[in-house]
Amino acid sequence: HQVRSARGSEPIDLLLCDVVLPGMSGPEVVRRIRGDLPELLTLFMSGYDQNRLAEAGHDPHPLLRKPFTVQELARAVREQIESGAALAGGASAEDVSRSAGG
């Protein structure tokens, strides 16, 4: 309900969320928000290494590693928004990955 209130009439293009948060994990926050906004694009960030995240039961994708520069953040956000637009336009995830060099 708080997401809908904060959203107002403006669309939310992307949620940038830390993986490790006090009280609830970032992936859990995203799962709950997607109950109201299933189309929401997300980008996780973390200073923990991938092994430590996996040991804690987190497999966040996509993941932006901390620390990051403003340019790295801008690139990661742009890639997520572009991949979401491509998927909404009918491209498969594999097509998007291929076009991004992945």
Protein backbone atom coordinates (compact mmCIF):
# COMPACT_ATOMS: atom_id res chain seq x y z
CA HIS A 1 0.00 0.00 0.00
CA GLN A 2 2.86 2.37 0.72
CA VAL A 3 4.23 1.77 -2.78
CA ARG A 4 0.94 2.83 -4.35
CA SER A 5 0.87 5.94 -2.14
CA ALA A 6 4.43 6.92 -2.92
CA ARG A 7 3.88 6.22 -6.60
CA GLY A 8 0.94 8.60 -7.00
CA SER A 9 0.20 9.06 -10.67
CA GLU A 10 3.81 8.84 -11.81
CA PRO A 11 5.09 5.50 -13.12
CA ILE A 12 8.03 3.87 -11.39
CA ASP A 13 10.59 2.96 -14.05
CA LEU A 14 13.01 1.02 -11.88
CA LEU A 15 13.65 0.11 -8.26
CA LEU A 16 17.28 0.30 -7.10
CA CYS A 17 17.53 -1.81 -3.97
CA ASP A 18 20.35 -2.98 -1.73
CA VAL A 19 20.44 -6.75 -1.19
CA VAL A 20 21.09 -6.56 2.56
CA LEU A 21 18.70 -4.32 4.48
CA PRO A 22 17.77 -4.14 8.17
CA GLY A 23 14.68 -6.19 8.92
CA MET A 24 14.05 -7.56 5.44
CA SER A 25 16.24 -8.53 2.50
CA GLY A 26 16.18 -6.56 -0.73
CA PRO A 27 14.88 -9.56 -2.70
CA GLU A 28 12.00 -9.88 -0.21
CA VAL A 29 11.18 -6.18 -0.59
CA VAL A 30 11.07 -6.65 -4.37
CA ARG A 31 8.84 -9.75 -4.09
CA ARG A 32 6.36 -7.80 -1.97
CA ILE A 33 6.35 -4.75 -4.24
CA ARG A 34 5.87 -6.93 -7.31
CA GLY A 35 2.62 -8.11 -5.75
CA ASP A 36 1.29 -4.65 -6.67
CA LEU A 37 3.63 -3.88 -9.58
CA PRO A 38 4.51 -7.12 -11.36
CA GLU A 39 6.13 -5.27 -14.27
CA LEU A 40 8.56 -3.38 -12.00
CA LEU A 41 12.16 -3.46 -13.20
CA THR A 42 14.76 -3.88 -10.47
CA LEU A 43 18.48 -3.44 -10.03
CA PHE A 44 20.14 -4.79 -6.90
CA MET A 45 23.33 -3.41 -5.40
CA SER A 46 25.65 -4.88 -2.81
CA GLY A 47 29.09 -4.55 -1.33
CA TYR A 48 29.12 -8.25 -0.44
CA ASP A 49 30.81 -10.68 -2.81
CA GLN A 50 28.67 -13.12 -4.78
CA ASN A 51 29.75 -16.11 -2.65
CA ARG A 52 28.67 -14.43 0.57
CA LEU A 53 25.33 -13.48 -0.97
CA ALA A 54 24.81 -17.06 -2.16
CA GLU A 55 25.66 -18.41 1.29
CA ALA A 56 23.01 -16.09 2.75
CA GLY A 57 20.47 -17.44 0.25
CA HIS A 58 20.45 -14.41 -2.05
CA ASP A 59 20.80 -14.66 -5.80
CA PRO A 60 20.03 -11.09 -6.86
CA HIS A 61 20.05 -10.37 -10.56
CA PRO A 62 21.04 -8.05 -11.98
CA LEU A 63 23.61 -6.97 -9.40
CA LEU A 64 25.62 -3.75 -9.32
CA ARG A 65 28.70 -4.16 -7.16
CA LYS A 66 29.60 -1.48 -4.59
CA PRO A 67 31.43 0.75 -4.69
CA PHE A 68 30.37 2.06 -8.09
CA THR A 69 30.77 5.32 -9.95
CA VAL A 70 27.96 7.54 -11.14
CA GLN A 71 28.77 6.39 -14.67
CA GLU A 72 28.50 2.71 -13.70
CA LEU A 73 25.18 3.37 -11.99
CA ALA A 74 23.86 5.27 -15.01
CA ARG A 75 24.96 2.47 -17.36
CA ALA A 76 23.36 -0.25 -15.21
CA VAL A 77 20.08 1.69 -14.91
CA ARG A 78 20.03 2.37 -18.66
CA GLU A 79 20.67 -1.31 -19.45
CA GLN A 80 17.82 -2.41 -17.18
CA ILE A 81 15.36 0.09 -18.60
CA GLU A 82 16.35 -0.76 -22.18
CA SER A 83 16.07 -4.50 -21.53
CA GLY A 84 12.66 -3.98 -19.93
CA ALA A 85 11.50 -1.94 -22.92
CA ALA A 86 12.77 -4.62 -25.30
CA LEU A 87 10.94 -7.34 -23.37
CA ALA A 88 7.76 -5.26 -23.32
CA GLY A 89 8.13 -4.89 -27.10
CA GLY A 90 8.10 -8.66 -27.58
CA ALA A 91 11.81 -9.54 -27.53
CA SER A 92 12.81 -12.58 -25.50
CA ALA A 93 15.24 -12.34 -22.59
CA GLU A 94 17.72 -14.28 -24.72
CA ASP A 95 17.43 -11.70 -27.54
CA VAL A 96 18.05 -8.88 -25.08
CA SER A 97 21.03 -10.70 -23.57
CA ARG A 98 22.51 -11.36 -27.02
CA SER A 99 22.08 -7.73 -28.11
CA ALA A 100 23.75 -6.55 -24.88
CA GLY A 101 26.70 -8.83 -25.49
CA GLY A 102 25.72 -11.24 -22.70
